[in-house]
Structures are given as C-alpha cells and as structure tokens.
Amino acid sequence: MLVAERHALLLDRLARDGRVVARALASELGLSEDTVRRDLRELAAAGLCQRVYGGAVASSPAVADYTARTTVSPESKDRVGARAARLVEPGMTVMLDGGTTSLAVVRALPADLRCTVVTHSPTVAVALLPYEGVEVLILGGRLFRHSAVTSGAAAVEAAAGVSADLFLLGVTGVHPDEGLTTGDADEAAMKRALSRRSAETIALASEEKIGAVSRYRVLPLDEVTAIVADTTDSAATARLRERGVTVVEA
C-alpha cells in the first residue's frame, strides 16, 4: 500500500472505531508493526490523531485556540450548558472552569440566582456581571491565552484557599480508556487543583469531545461524580457507563 492509502485507511478506522491498535491492524493488513506506528506518528504530528499506548485514538477538535473553538459545536455546547446550569443551586459555591462550554453554562443560569462562583477565567467572570446575585471570585495567575484562563503556580496557590460545593470541569477529551484530557500540561494541573478543592466534580462534554483524547490527562473517570454529555453515539455513552461513569444526557 502507498503511504497515502495507509494514512487514509488509518483515518477511516479512527473515524469508525475511535481507536487503532497498531499490532492488530498490522497483522490484518500484512504490514510490519513499525510501519503502522510510523504512519501513526506522522498523523499525530499533523494533528489528525492522538497516540496512546499500543496505537492511537481520535484527536479532539476542542484543542484549537479559543477563537476557533467558539465555532465548534455551538448548539451542542448550549445543550450541555443548559443541563449543567440546572445543577447549580441557590447558596452554592461553584467553581466554574474556563472555555466556551462554561460560557454556555453562564448564559443558561437563572437571572435571579444567588450563589458564589469561583473561576480562573476572565471571560467567565465578565459574562457573570449581569447576575447581580452572584458573587464572583477570580483566581489570579499567568494568563494562558490559548484558553483565556489563568494557570501556573500562583493560580494553583490561590485555588488552595477556596472550598466549593461543585466544580464544573471543562475538558477537550472524554474517552472510556484514557479518561478526561486536555491539550496543555499546566492547564491540566490547574483543573486538578480546582477539582481537589470541590466536594463534587462534574465534567462537561459536548459532542466533539466524546471518544476523543488530548495529550495530557486531567483526571481518571472514577474521580468525577458525573459527566454531562451531549452525544448521538450511544456506543460511546454505553462504554462510559460500563466503566461505572454516571452520564447525564443533555
């Protein structure tokens, strides 16, 4: 097979199955395992998949920059945001992650809500300005422009001084085997710091994130209370539930 043909086949399998196992595919196609692994490295370098132990999985489109992500699955994010907003009860202290799905949560909050929101996202904080009953605490630190959030040692230290009832966690990938992932190591560490300071963590997953994987692990699936998910892929949802995950469908 020509290189282009192999790449096309690998991408087709990733789209169909969400995962490629190098050894199994090499045996099926009569190729060396090294050839398949080299092809996967080339596809990963082009951002077309994410390599994992033994093969590769579908790469998440949610790792694009902040502006580009505003155009990815906006209706799905609105559905997830609306469902997640119903989990915020009056009097709660809620940690709200950054990102476009979190902004969808803000848009869906009741206008008369009275609670406290802790966030490391300046855009989320500004979006909460019209909510006069919501006290907003912003965690400072280095601004990570890609996601428009603060991160780094100062932000993690600030998070350590806060306790919350609920953390609404944004990620770029939700995978039954690889767990919850994102595209930056410092951002992943910040998300873990926020989760540690909250009684419950609920992940937000619009349709493009289900079955996808990014480079850095945020949390394993067993460390979140539930995942609010919008997906038409019943197989992906079933695999998450087989792992013991509570999936709240948006």
Foldseek 3Di string as FASTA:
>chain_A
DDLVVLLVVVLVCQVVPQWDQLVVVCVVVVHDSVVQVVSQVVCVVVVQWADDPRGTGGAFPCQFFQVVNCPPQVVLLLVLLLVVLVVDAAAFEEEEEFGDSSLSVLVNHDLAGAYEYEYQAPVSVVSCVSNVRYHYHHQDACQDRRGRGHWDDSSLVSLVVAAGAEYEDEARADALPQGGHHADDRSLVNRLSNLVRYPAYEYEEGARRQSHHYDGDNDHQVSHQAYAYEYPPVVSVVSNVVSVHHYRYD
